[in-house]
Amino acid sequence: MAPLTVDIADMASAVGAEIGPSGWLLMEQSRINAFADATGDHQWIHVDEERAASGPFGATVAHGYLTLAMVPQLLAEILHVTGRTSGVNYGMEKVRFISPVREGARIRMSGRIAGATPRAGGIQYRLEMVIELEGSEKPAMVGEFLVLAFP
């Protein structure tokens, strides 16, 4: 799907617009292992494929924060904000990890622009996002993400 393109000056009028879905992203063991190395979180459910096969999920699972860390990559596929010189992550609200993301699973993101407010010489916009899990009725993750962008 083509990304939604919104100029920063028009963000308030884009509130309610649906964005996505992104393309599917494969959660490979190599990505999980790299995240474990980067964060120091080597819990067996993430990195020990043999033990995890007989564990509660039947396979290794991605760290919840790894799923969260995919938001910028997936968001870049589905929302382009023009007319801005810079932007920063302002925060997150109501982030929940609903379903485990097993190694080999595919995820994608969709959502909507939920709000836009002038702030600090820029505009703060709120995105309600869902990380879908292929083949599952329940999502992997849901949350609200705040971005502060400057013209």
N, C-alpha and C. Protein backbone atom coordinates (compact mmCIF):
# COMPACT_ATOMS: atom_id res chain seq x y z
N MET A 1 0.84 -1.18 0.00
CA MET A 1 0.00 0.00 0.00
C MET A 1 0.89 1.24 0.00
N ALA A 2 0.49 2.24 -0.75
CA ALA A 2 1.24 3.49 -0.81
C ALA A 2 1.14 4.22 0.53
N PRO A 3 2.21 4.87 0.94
CA PRO A 3 2.16 5.58 2.22
C PRO A 3 1.23 6.79 2.14
N LEU A 4 0.68 7.17 3.28
CA LEU A 4 -0.07 8.41 3.38
C LEU A 4 0.96 9.53 3.49
N THR A 5 0.82 10.56 2.67
CA THR A 5 1.72 11.71 2.73
C THR A 5 0.93 12.89 3.27
N VAL A 6 1.45 13.49 4.34
CA VAL A 6 0.80 14.62 4.99
C VAL A 6 1.84 15.70 5.21
N ASP A 7 1.52 16.94 4.83
CA ASP A 7 2.42 18.04 5.14
C ASP A 7 2.23 18.41 6.61
N ILE A 8 3.32 18.77 7.27
CA ILE A 8 3.26 19.09 8.69
C ILE A 8 2.21 20.18 8.97
N ALA A 9 2.05 21.13 8.06
CA ALA A 9 1.08 22.20 8.24
C ALA A 9 -0.36 21.70 8.18
N ASP A 10 -0.56 20.53 7.59
CA ASP A 10 -1.90 19.97 7.42
C ASP A 10 -2.19 18.81 8.37
N MET A 11 -1.31 18.58 9.33
CA MET A 11 -1.47 17.41 10.20
C MET A 11 -2.79 17.43 10.96
N ALA A 12 -3.21 18.59 11.45
CA ALA A 12 -4.47 18.65 12.20
C ALA A 12 -5.65 18.21 11.35
N SER A 13 -5.64 18.55 10.07
CA SER A 13 -6.75 18.15 9.20
C SER A 13 -6.68 16.67 8.82
N ALA A 14 -5.54 16.03 9.09
CA ALA A 14 -5.39 14.60 8.78
C ALA A 14 -5.81 13.71 9.94
N VAL A 15 -6.19 14.30 11.07
CA VAL A 15 -6.61 13.49 12.22
C VAL A 15 -7.78 12.61 11.80
N GLY A 16 -7.68 11.35 12.12
CA GLY A 16 -8.69 10.36 11.75
C GLY A 16 -8.29 9.55 10.53
N ALA A 17 -7.27 10.00 9.81
CA ALA A 17 -6.84 9.27 8.61
C ALA A 17 -6.22 7.93 8.98
N GLU A 18 -6.61 6.92 8.24
CA GLU A 18 -6.04 5.58 8.41
C GLU A 18 -4.69 5.51 7.71
N ILE A 19 -3.75 4.80 8.31
CA ILE A 19 -2.44 4.60 7.69
C ILE A 19 -2.11 3.12 7.68
N GLY A 20 -1.47 2.70 6.60
CA GLY A 20 -1.07 1.30 6.48
C GLY A 20 -2.12 0.47 5.79
N PRO A 21 -1.86 -0.81 5.76
CA PRO A 21 -0.80 -1.52 6.48
C PRO A 21 0.54 -1.45 5.76
N SER A 22 1.58 -1.68 6.56
CA SER A 22 2.93 -1.80 6.01
C SER A 22 3.05 -3.15 5.31
N GLY A 23 4.21 -3.38 4.73
CA GLY A 23 4.52 -4.72 4.24
C GLY A 23 4.80 -5.63 5.42
N TRP A 24 4.82 -6.91 5.15
CA TRP A 24 5.12 -7.89 6.20
C TRP A 24 6.62 -7.91 6.50
N LEU A 25 6.97 -8.04 7.77
CA LEU A 25 8.36 -8.13 8.21
C LEU A 25 8.55 -9.47 8.91
N LEU A 26 9.53 -10.23 8.45
CA LEU A 26 9.82 -11.55 9.01
C LEU A 26 10.66 -11.41 10.27
N MET A 27 10.22 -12.04 11.34
CA MET A 27 10.96 -12.02 12.60
C MET A 27 11.88 -13.24 12.63
N GLU A 28 13.09 -13.04 12.19
CA GLU A 28 14.07 -14.12 12.08
C GLU A 28 14.86 -14.26 13.38
N GLN A 29 15.37 -15.48 13.60
CA GLN A 29 16.17 -15.72 14.80
C GLN A 29 17.41 -14.83 14.84
N SER A 30 17.98 -14.55 13.68
CA SER A 30 19.17 -13.69 13.66
C SER A 30 18.85 -12.29 14.18
N ARG A 31 17.67 -11.77 13.89
CA ARG A 31 17.25 -10.46 14.39
C ARG A 31 17.04 -10.54 15.91
N ILE A 32 16.40 -11.61 16.37
CA ILE A 32 16.16 -11.80 17.80
C ILE A 32 17.49 -11.89 18.55
N ASN A 33 18.44 -12.66 18.00
CA ASN A 33 19.75 -12.81 18.64
C ASN A 33 20.50 -11.48 18.69
N ALA A 34 20.44 -10.72 17.60
CA ALA A 34 21.12 -9.42 17.56
C ALA A 34 20.53 -8.48 18.61
N PHE A 35 19.21 -8.52 18.77
CA PHE A 35 18.56 -7.67 19.78
C PHE A 35 18.97 -8.13 21.18
N ALA A 36 19.03 -9.44 21.39
CA ALA A 36 19.48 -9.97 22.68
C ALA A 36 20.89 -9.48 22.99
N ASP A 37 21.76 -9.52 22.00
CA ASP A 37 23.13 -9.04 22.19
C ASP A 37 23.17 -7.54 22.48
N ALA A 38 22.35 -6.78 21.78
CA ALA A 38 22.35 -5.32 21.96
C ALA A 38 21.82 -4.91 23.33
N THR A 39 20.88 -5.69 23.86
CA THR A 39 20.24 -5.32 25.13
C THR A 39 20.73 -6.11 26.32
N GLY A 40 21.46 -7.19 26.07
CA GLY A 40 21.90 -8.05 27.17
C GLY A 40 20.80 -8.95 27.71
N ASP A 41 19.68 -9.03 27.00
CA ASP A 41 18.56 -9.88 27.44
C ASP A 41 18.63 -11.20 26.69
N HIS A 42 19.31 -12.17 27.29
CA HIS A 42 19.50 -13.48 26.66
C HIS A 42 18.62 -14.56 27.31
N GLN A 43 17.44 -14.16 27.78
CA GLN A 43 16.53 -15.14 28.37
C GLN A 43 16.29 -16.27 27.37
N TRP A 44 16.24 -17.49 27.87
CA TRP A 44 16.17 -18.67 27.01
C TRP A 44 14.98 -18.67 26.07
N ILE A 45 13.87 -18.05 26.43
CA ILE A 45 12.71 -18.04 25.53
C ILE A 45 13.01 -17.28 24.24
N HIS A 46 14.06 -16.46 24.26
CA HIS A 46 14.44 -15.69 23.08
C HIS A 46 15.56 -16.35 22.27
N VAL A 47 16.52 -16.98 22.94
CA VAL A 47 17.74 -17.38 22.22
C VAL A 47 18.06 -18.87 22.23
N ASP A 48 17.43 -19.64 23.08
CA ASP A 48 17.72 -21.08 23.15
C ASP A 48 16.64 -21.84 22.38
N GLU A 49 16.90 -22.09 21.10
CA GLU A 49 15.89 -22.69 20.23
C GLU A 49 15.46 -24.08 20.70
N GLU A 50 16.40 -24.85 21.18
CA GLU A 50 16.08 -26.22 21.62
C GLU A 50 15.19 -26.19 22.86
N ARG A 51 15.58 -25.43 23.85
CA ARG A 51 14.79 -25.36 25.08
C ARG A 51 13.43 -24.70 24.82
N ALA A 52 13.44 -23.65 24.00
CA ALA A 52 12.19 -22.94 23.71
C ALA A 52 11.18 -23.81 22.98
N ALA A 53 11.66 -24.78 22.20
CA ALA A 53 10.75 -25.67 21.47
C ALA A 53 9.83 -26.43 22.42
N SER A 54 10.30 -26.71 23.63
CA SER A 54 9.45 -27.40 24.60
C SER A 54 8.93 -26.44 25.67
N GLY A 55 9.11 -25.16 25.45
CA GLY A 55 8.65 -24.15 26.40
C GLY A 55 7.22 -23.73 26.14
N PRO A 56 6.79 -22.67 26.80
CA PRO A 56 5.38 -22.25 26.74
C PRO A 56 4.90 -21.77 25.37
N PHE A 57 5.83 -21.37 24.49
CA PHE A 57 5.43 -20.83 23.20
C PHE A 57 5.74 -21.77 22.04
N GLY A 58 6.42 -22.87 22.31
CA GLY A 58 6.73 -23.85 21.27
C GLY A 58 7.85 -23.46 20.34
N ALA A 59 8.44 -22.32 20.56
CA ALA A 59 9.56 -21.81 19.74
C ALA A 59 10.13 -20.60 20.46
N THR A 60 11.26 -20.11 19.98
CA THR A 60 11.75 -18.85 20.54
C THR A 60 10.78 -17.74 20.15
N VAL A 61 10.76 -16.70 20.96
CA VAL A 61 9.89 -15.55 20.70
C VAL A 61 10.72 -14.28 20.73
N ALA A 62 10.29 -13.32 19.95
CA ALA A 62 10.93 -12.01 19.94
C ALA A 62 10.67 -11.30 21.27
N HIS A 63 11.62 -10.53 21.69
CA HIS A 63 11.43 -9.67 22.85
C HIS A 63 10.29 -8.70 22.53
N GLY A 64 9.47 -8.38 23.51
CA GLY A 64 8.43 -7.38 23.27
C GLY A 64 9.03 -6.07 22.79
N TYR A 65 10.15 -5.70 23.39
CA TYR A 65 10.78 -4.44 23.00
C TYR A 65 11.39 -4.50 21.60
N LEU A 66 11.69 -5.69 21.11
CA LEU A 66 12.12 -5.82 19.71
C LEU A 66 10.95 -5.52 18.79
N THR A 67 9.79 -6.04 19.12
CA THR A 67 8.59 -5.72 18.33
C THR A 67 8.37 -4.21 18.33
N LEU A 68 8.48 -3.61 19.50
CA LEU A 68 8.33 -2.16 19.62
C LEU A 68 9.39 -1.42 18.80
N ALA A 69 10.61 -1.95 18.78
CA ALA A 69 11.70 -1.30 18.04
C ALA A 69 11.49 -1.33 16.53
N MET A 70 10.57 -2.15 16.05
CA MET A 70 10.29 -2.20 14.62
C MET A 70 9.36 -1.08 14.17
N VAL A 71 8.76 -0.35 15.13
CA VAL A 71 7.81 0.71 14.79
C VAL A 71 8.41 1.74 13.83
N PRO A 72 9.60 2.31 14.08
CA PRO A 72 10.11 3.31 13.13
C PRO A 72 10.27 2.78 11.71
N GLN A 73 10.77 1.57 11.57
CA GLN A 73 10.96 0.98 10.24
C GLN A 73 9.62 0.80 9.53
N LEU A 74 8.65 0.25 10.24
CA LEU A 74 7.34 0.01 9.63
C LEU A 74 6.60 1.32 9.38
N LEU A 75 6.74 2.28 10.30
CA LEU A 75 6.07 3.57 10.14
C LEU A 75 6.58 4.30 8.90
N ALA A 76 7.87 4.19 8.63
CA ALA A 76 8.45 4.85 7.46
C ALA A 76 7.83 4.35 6.16
N GLU A 77 7.29 3.14 6.18
CA GLU A 77 6.63 2.58 4.99
C GLU A 77 5.23 3.14 4.77
N ILE A 78 4.59 3.62 5.84
CA ILE A 78 3.17 3.93 5.73
C ILE A 78 2.80 5.40 5.97
N LEU A 79 3.74 6.20 6.48
CA LEU A 79 3.45 7.62 6.72
C LEU A 79 4.67 8.46 6.37
N HIS A 80 4.47 9.40 5.46
CA HIS A 80 5.51 10.37 5.11
C HIS A 80 5.01 11.75 5.51
N VAL A 81 5.75 12.42 6.37
CA VAL A 81 5.40 13.78 6.79
C VAL A 81 6.35 14.73 6.07
N THR A 82 5.78 15.56 5.21
CA THR A 82 6.58 16.52 4.45
C THR A 82 6.57 17.87 5.16
N GLY A 83 7.46 18.76 4.74
CA GLY A 83 7.50 20.10 5.30
C GLY A 83 8.10 20.17 6.69
N ARG A 84 8.79 19.14 7.09
CA ARG A 84 9.42 19.16 8.41
C ARG A 84 10.93 19.11 8.25
N THR A 85 11.61 19.76 9.18
CA THR A 85 13.07 19.74 9.17
C THR A 85 13.61 18.66 10.10
N SER A 86 12.84 18.36 11.13
CA SER A 86 13.26 17.31 12.07
C SER A 86 12.06 16.83 12.85
N GLY A 87 12.25 15.71 13.51
CA GLY A 87 11.20 15.15 14.36
C GLY A 87 11.83 14.24 15.39
N VAL A 88 11.18 14.14 16.53
CA VAL A 88 11.68 13.28 17.60
C VAL A 88 10.55 12.44 18.17
N ASN A 89 10.92 11.28 18.68
CA ASN A 89 9.95 10.48 19.43
C ASN A 89 9.66 11.25 20.70
N TYR A 90 8.39 11.49 20.98
CA TYR A 90 8.02 12.25 22.17
C TYR A 90 7.57 11.33 23.29
N GLY A 91 7.17 10.12 22.95
CA GLY A 91 6.77 9.17 23.98
C GLY A 91 5.79 8.15 23.46
N MET A 92 5.35 7.31 24.38
CA MET A 92 4.40 6.25 24.06
C MET A 92 3.38 6.17 25.19
N GLU A 93 2.19 5.75 24.84
CA GLU A 93 1.15 5.53 25.83
C GLU A 93 0.41 4.26 25.48
N LYS A 94 -0.08 3.61 26.49
CA LYS A 94 -0.95 2.45 26.31
C LYS A 94 -0.33 1.35 25.46
N VAL A 95 0.98 1.16 25.54
CA VAL A 95 1.62 0.09 24.78
C VAL A 95 1.36 -1.22 25.49
N ARG A 96 0.85 -2.20 24.74
CA ARG A 96 0.57 -3.52 25.30
C ARG A 96 1.07 -4.58 24.32
N PHE A 97 1.69 -5.61 24.88
CA PHE A 97 2.15 -6.74 24.09
C PHE A 97 1.11 -7.84 24.24
N ILE A 98 0.28 -8.01 23.24
CA ILE A 98 -0.91 -8.87 23.31
C ILE A 98 -0.57 -10.33 23.03
N SER A 99 0.18 -10.58 21.97
CA SER A 99 0.50 -11.96 21.56
C SER A 99 2.00 -12.09 21.33
N PRO A 100 2.56 -13.25 21.66
CA PRO A 100 3.99 -13.45 21.41
C PRO A 100 4.27 -13.52 19.90
N VAL A 101 5.43 -13.02 19.52
CA VAL A 101 5.87 -13.09 18.13
C VAL A 101 6.93 -14.18 18.05
N ARG A 102 6.51 -15.34 17.57
CA ARG A 102 7.43 -16.48 17.47
C ARG A 102 8.43 -16.26 16.34
N GLU A 103 9.59 -16.87 16.49
CA GLU A 103 10.59 -16.85 15.43
C GLU A 103 9.94 -17.41 14.17
N GLY A 104 10.17 -16.73 13.05
CA GLY A 104 9.58 -17.14 11.77
C GLY A 104 8.24 -16.50 11.48
N ALA A 105 7.66 -15.80 12.46
CA ALA A 105 6.38 -15.13 12.24
C ALA A 105 6.59 -13.84 11.44
N ARG A 106 5.50 -13.36 10.85
CA ARG A 106 5.55 -12.09 10.13
C ARG A 106 4.62 -11.10 10.79
N ILE A 107 5.11 -9.86 10.89
CA ILE A 107 4.32 -8.78 11.48
C ILE A 107 4.20 -7.64 10.48
N ARG A 108 3.16 -6.83 10.67
CA ARG A 108 3.02 -5.60 9.91
C ARG A 108 2.28 -4.59 10.78
N MET A 109 2.30 -3.33 10.36
CA MET A 109 1.72 -2.28 11.18
C MET A 109 0.68 -1.49 10.41
N SER A 110 -0.36 -1.10 11.12
CA SER A 110 -1.37 -0.20 10.57
C SER A 110 -1.89 0.66 11.72
N GLY A 111 -2.67 1.66 11.40
CA GLY A 111 -3.21 2.50 12.46
C GLY A 111 -3.90 3.72 11.91
N ARG A 112 -3.88 4.78 12.72
CA ARG A 112 -4.51 6.03 12.30
C ARG A 112 -3.87 7.20 13.02
N ILE A 113 -4.00 8.36 12.43
CA ILE A 113 -3.56 9.59 13.07
C ILE A 113 -4.66 9.97 14.05
N ALA A 114 -4.35 10.00 15.33
CA ALA A 114 -5.37 10.17 16.36
C ALA A 114 -5.43 11.58 16.93
N GLY A 115 -4.43 12.39 16.68
CA GLY A 115 -4.44 13.74 17.22
C GLY A 115 -3.27 14.55 16.70
N ALA A 116 -3.41 15.87 16.77
CA ALA A 116 -2.34 16.77 16.37
C ALA A 116 -2.52 18.07 17.14
N THR A 117 -1.45 18.50 17.83
CA THR A 117 -1.51 19.68 18.68
C THR A 117 -0.25 20.52 18.49
N PRO A 118 -0.39 21.84 18.30
CA PRO A 118 0.81 22.68 18.26
C PRO A 118 1.56 22.58 19.59
N ARG A 119 2.89 22.49 19.50
CA ARG A 119 3.68 22.37 20.72
C ARG A 119 5.13 22.76 20.43
N ALA A 120 5.69 23.60 21.28
CA ALA A 120 7.11 23.94 21.26
C ALA A 120 7.62 24.36 19.87
N GLY A 121 6.82 25.12 19.14
CA GLY A 121 7.24 25.59 17.82
C GLY A 121 7.06 24.57 16.72
N GLY A 122 6.47 23.45 17.04
CA GLY A 122 6.23 22.40 16.05
C GLY A 122 4.83 21.85 16.22
N ILE A 123 4.66 20.61 15.86
CA ILE A 123 3.38 19.94 16.05
C ILE A 123 3.62 18.56 16.63
N GLN A 124 2.86 18.27 17.67
CA GLN A 124 2.91 16.93 18.26
C GLN A 124 1.74 16.15 17.70
N TYR A 125 2.04 15.01 17.09
CA TYR A 125 0.94 14.19 16.60
C TYR A 125 0.97 12.82 17.26
N ARG A 126 -0.24 12.29 17.43
CA ARG A 126 -0.45 11.01 18.12
C ARG A 126 -0.91 9.98 17.09
N LEU A 127 -0.24 8.83 17.13
CA LEU A 127 -0.58 7.73 16.23
C LEU A 127 -1.07 6.55 17.05
N GLU A 128 -2.24 6.05 16.74
CA GLU A 128 -2.73 4.80 17.34
C GLU A 128 -2.31 3.69 16.39
N MET A 129 -1.45 2.80 16.86
CA MET A 129 -0.87 1.80 15.98
C MET A 129 -1.15 0.39 16.48
N VAL A 130 -1.23 -0.53 15.53
CA VAL A 130 -1.42 -1.95 15.81
C VAL A 130 -0.35 -2.71 15.04
N ILE A 131 0.37 -3.58 15.73
CA ILE A 131 1.28 -4.51 15.07
C ILE A 131 0.52 -5.81 14.91
N GLU A 132 0.17 -6.13 13.68
CA GLU A 132 -0.57 -7.36 13.38
C GLU A 132 0.39 -8.54 13.31
N LEU A 133 -0.13 -9.69 13.61
CA LEU A 133 0.61 -10.95 13.55
C LEU A 133 -0.08 -11.81 12.50
N GLU A 134 0.64 -12.13 11.45
CA GLU A 134 0.04 -12.89 10.35
C GLU A 134 -0.58 -14.19 10.85
N GLY A 135 -1.83 -14.43 10.45
CA GLY A 135 -2.52 -15.66 10.81
C GLY A 135 -3.17 -15.65 12.18
N SER A 136 -3.12 -14.52 12.86
CA SER A 136 -3.70 -14.42 14.20
C SER A 136 -4.78 -13.35 14.23
N GLU A 137 -5.85 -13.63 14.94
CA GLU A 137 -6.89 -12.63 15.09
C GLU A 137 -6.49 -11.58 16.11
N LYS A 138 -5.60 -11.95 17.04
CA LYS A 138 -5.13 -11.02 18.05
C LYS A 138 -3.82 -10.38 17.59
N PRO A 139 -3.66 -9.08 17.83
CA PRO A 139 -2.42 -8.42 17.41
C PRO A 139 -1.24 -8.82 18.31
N ALA A 140 -0.06 -8.54 17.82
CA ALA A 140 1.14 -8.74 18.63
C ALA A 140 1.28 -7.60 19.63
N MET A 141 0.96 -6.38 19.19
CA MET A 141 1.17 -5.20 20.02
C MET A 141 0.22 -4.10 19.60
N VAL A 142 -0.18 -3.29 20.55
CA VAL A 142 -0.95 -2.08 20.28
C VAL A 142 -0.32 -0.95 21.09
N GLY A 143 -0.53 0.27 20.65
CA GLY A 143 -0.01 1.40 21.41
C GLY A 143 -0.28 2.72 20.74
N GLU A 144 -0.07 3.76 21.52
CA GLU A 144 -0.14 5.12 21.01
C GLU A 144 1.26 5.69 21.02
N PHE A 145 1.64 6.31 19.92
CA PHE A 145 2.99 6.84 19.77
C PHE A 145 2.91 8.33 19.50
N LEU A 146 3.73 9.09 20.19
CA LEU A 146 3.74 10.54 20.07
C LEU A 146 5.01 10.98 19.35
N VAL A 147 4.84 11.85 18.37
CA VAL A 147 5.96 12.39 17.61
C VAL A 147 5.88 13.91 17.68
N LEU A 148 7.01 14.55 17.90
CA LEU A 148 7.09 16.01 17.86
C LEU A 148 7.91 16.38 16.63
N ALA A 149 7.28 17.07 15.69
CA ALA A 149 7.93 17.42 14.42
C ALA A 149 8.01 18.94 14.29
N PHE A 150 9.08 19.39 13.64
CA PHE A 150 9.32 20.82 13.49
C PHE A 150 9.39 21.20 12.02
N PRO A 151 8.76 22.34 11.66
CA PRO A 151 8.82 22.80 10.26
C PRO A 151 10.21 23.32 9.90
